[in-house]
Amino acid sequence: MTPEKMKEECLVCRKHRGELAVPGGVIYEDELIFVSHAQLFGDETEHYLGHIFLETKRHVPELADLTEEEAQAVGLYASRIARALIATESVEHVYSFFICDGVPHVHLHIIGRYPGAPREYWGPRVDEWPDAPKGGVEELAAVAERVRDWLKAH
């Protein structure tokens, strides 16, 4: 597949072009990065609250391919979003994961762990906790709004 075709079909690039719905809209965006709450996938009617995506605007498949400017923006906003989740969602810990296997476009999962999460659900399984806070489009949008407002204020 050509690089142009990969970019055309890329889920993240499609979101940036406005072809996919983003619950609550864009949390933050500049020329380098795009931040939003995770959207509902497939037949999901609810998704884990406080699951934020931070993505590069440029279609780049690997962390090692980031420019220094992109890497600095990703690091700075990962920290800011973590602080926003702690302040607005009362999470007790914030995880960040780069995976990029399923969608070869650099994107960071920034996910808060809510109080009461059993140890066996810490880390990459935090959203599998049966009692984890989940919500539909309205609840996801409310989280996005609170995080966006916190970022604007700080």
Protein backbone atom coordinates (compact mmCIF):
# COMPACT_ATOMS: atom_id res chain seq x y z
CA MET A 1 0.00 0.00 0.00
CA THR A 2 1.36 3.42 -0.90
CA PRO A 3 1.99 6.01 1.84
CA GLU A 4 -0.77 8.20 0.37
CA LYS A 5 -3.27 5.30 0.44
CA MET A 6 -2.26 4.48 4.05
CA LYS A 7 -2.91 8.09 5.05
CA GLU A 8 -6.23 8.12 3.20
CA GLU A 9 -7.46 4.99 5.01
CA CYS A 10 -5.88 5.71 8.42
CA LEU A 11 -8.47 5.85 11.21
CA VAL A 12 -6.63 8.68 12.99
CA CYS A 13 -6.18 10.74 9.82
CA ARG A 14 -9.87 10.25 9.00
CA LYS A 15 -10.75 11.58 12.47
CA HIS A 16 -8.53 14.64 11.93
CA ARG A 17 -10.26 15.30 8.59
CA GLY A 18 -13.64 15.30 10.38
CA GLU A 19 -14.84 12.03 8.83
CA LEU A 20 -15.37 10.34 12.22
CA ALA A 21 -17.35 11.62 15.19
CA VAL A 22 -15.42 12.74 18.25
CA PRO A 23 -17.52 12.77 21.45
CA GLY A 24 -17.36 16.24 22.91
CA GLY A 25 -15.31 17.54 20.02
CA VAL A 26 -11.64 18.34 19.98
CA ILE A 27 -10.13 18.85 23.43
CA TYR A 28 -6.97 20.49 22.08
CA GLU A 29 -5.43 20.90 18.67
CA ASP A 30 -2.48 22.71 17.15
CA GLU A 31 -0.31 22.18 14.09
CA LEU A 32 1.42 19.17 15.71
CA ILE A 33 -1.11 17.29 17.86
CA PHE A 34 -4.81 16.46 18.20
CA VAL A 35 -6.42 15.52 21.55
CA SER A 36 -9.87 13.98 22.05
CA HIS A 37 -11.76 11.56 24.27
CA ALA A 38 -11.82 8.00 22.94
CA GLN A 39 -14.89 7.42 20.83
CA LEU A 40 -17.30 4.50 20.85
CA PHE A 41 -15.97 1.64 18.73
CA GLY A 42 -17.96 -0.88 16.72
CA ASP A 43 -21.17 -1.78 18.53
CA GLU A 44 -20.11 -0.16 21.83
CA THR A 45 -22.80 1.87 23.54
CA GLU A 46 -20.52 2.82 26.44
CA HIS A 47 -16.79 3.43 26.76
CA TYR A 48 -14.43 3.89 29.70
CA LEU A 49 -14.55 7.48 30.94
CA GLY A 50 -11.26 9.33 31.04
CA HIS A 51 -9.66 7.53 28.08
CA ILE A 52 -7.99 10.34 26.16
CA PHE A 53 -6.19 10.06 22.82
CA LEU A 54 -3.25 12.30 22.02
CA GLU A 55 -2.29 11.90 18.36
CA THR A 56 0.22 13.46 16.02
CA LYS A 57 -1.31 15.50 13.22
CA ARG A 58 1.30 14.20 10.81
CA HIS A 59 0.72 10.62 9.71
CA VAL A 60 3.69 8.82 11.20
CA PRO A 61 3.60 5.13 12.18
CA GLU A 62 6.38 4.90 14.78
CA LEU A 63 7.39 6.79 17.89
CA ALA A 64 10.96 6.82 16.57
CA ASP A 65 9.78 8.77 13.51
CA LEU A 66 8.64 11.83 15.47
CA THR A 67 10.45 15.09 14.97
CA GLU A 68 11.90 16.64 18.11
CA GLU A 69 9.16 19.29 18.00
CA GLU A 70 6.42 16.61 17.78
CA ALA A 71 7.99 14.59 20.60
CA GLN A 72 8.15 17.69 22.81
CA ALA A 73 4.49 18.51 22.11
CA VAL A 74 3.42 14.93 22.84
CA GLY A 75 5.34 14.87 26.13
CA LEU A 76 4.13 18.29 27.26
CA TYR A 77 0.47 17.59 26.53
CA ALA A 78 0.61 14.07 27.98
CA SER A 79 1.62 15.67 31.27
CA ARG A 80 -1.00 18.42 31.01
CA ILE A 81 -3.77 15.93 30.22
CA ALA A 82 -2.72 13.74 33.15
CA ARG A 83 -3.00 16.74 35.47
CA ALA A 84 -6.38 17.62 33.97
CA LEU A 85 -7.71 14.08 34.53
CA ILE A 86 -6.56 14.13 38.15
CA ALA A 87 -8.12 17.55 38.73
CA THR A 88 -11.40 17.08 36.87
CA GLU A 89 -12.17 13.37 37.08
CA SER A 90 -10.69 12.61 40.53
CA VAL A 91 -8.60 9.75 39.16
CA GLU A 92 -5.87 8.49 41.46
CA HIS A 93 -3.34 7.51 38.79
CA VAL A 94 -2.85 8.15 35.08
CA TYR A 95 -1.46 5.63 32.61
CA SER A 96 -0.08 6.34 29.18
CA PHE A 97 0.38 3.72 26.49
CA PHE A 98 1.85 3.85 23.00
CA ILE A 99 0.72 0.77 21.12
CA CYS A 100 0.29 1.71 17.43
CA ASP A 101 -0.02 -1.92 16.23
CA GLY A 102 -3.68 -1.84 15.24
CA VAL A 103 -3.58 1.72 13.91
CA PRO A 104 -0.14 2.62 12.53
CA HIS A 105 -0.35 6.32 13.40
CA VAL A 106 1.36 7.57 16.56
CA HIS A 107 -1.27 7.92 19.25
CA LEU A 108 -0.93 7.92 22.99
CA HIS A 109 -3.65 6.44 25.19
CA ILE A 110 -3.88 8.53 28.38
CA ILE A 111 -6.15 6.72 30.80
CA GLY A 112 -7.07 7.58 34.37
CA ARG A 113 -7.46 4.90 37.05
CA TYR A 114 -10.42 5.63 39.29
CA PRO A 115 -10.41 5.01 43.05
CA GLY A 116 -11.45 1.51 44.00
CA ALA A 117 -10.03 -0.25 40.95
CA PRO A 118 -8.80 -3.66 42.14
CA ARG A 119 -5.08 -4.32 41.66
CA GLU A 120 -5.77 -6.99 39.03
CA TYR A 121 -7.22 -4.25 36.80
CA TRP A 122 -4.33 -1.81 37.12
CA GLY A 123 -2.31 -1.04 34.00
CA PRO A 124 -3.50 -1.99 30.52
CA ARG A 125 -6.56 -3.79 31.94
CA VAL A 126 -7.90 -0.74 33.82
CA ASP A 127 -10.87 -0.40 31.44
CA GLU A 128 -11.82 -4.07 31.94
CA TRP A 129 -12.78 -3.50 35.59
CA PRO A 130 -16.51 -4.40 35.73
CA ASP A 131 -17.29 -1.42 38.01
CA ALA A 132 -15.23 1.07 36.00
CA PRO A 133 -17.00 4.32 35.17
CA LYS A 134 -18.33 4.09 31.63
CA GLY A 135 -20.68 6.22 29.64
CA GLY A 136 -22.25 6.94 26.30
CA VAL A 137 -21.72 9.89 24.01
CA GLU A 138 -23.09 12.45 26.49
CA GLU A 139 -20.87 11.28 29.36
CA LEU A 140 -17.78 11.08 27.11
CA ALA A 141 -18.52 14.60 25.88
CA ALA A 142 -18.84 15.87 29.46
CA VAL A 143 -15.38 14.51 30.31
CA ALA A 144 -13.97 16.10 27.15
CA GLU A 145 -15.51 19.45 28.12
CA ARG A 146 -14.10 19.36 31.66
CA VAL A 147 -10.60 18.44 30.41
CA ARG A 148 -10.75 21.10 27.67
CA ASP A 149 -11.87 23.75 30.20
CA TRP A 150 -9.07 22.78 32.62
CA LEU A 151 -6.46 23.00 29.84
CA LYS A 152 -7.72 26.46 28.83
CA ALA A 153 -7.57 27.66 32.45
CA HIS A 154 -4.08 26.31 33.10
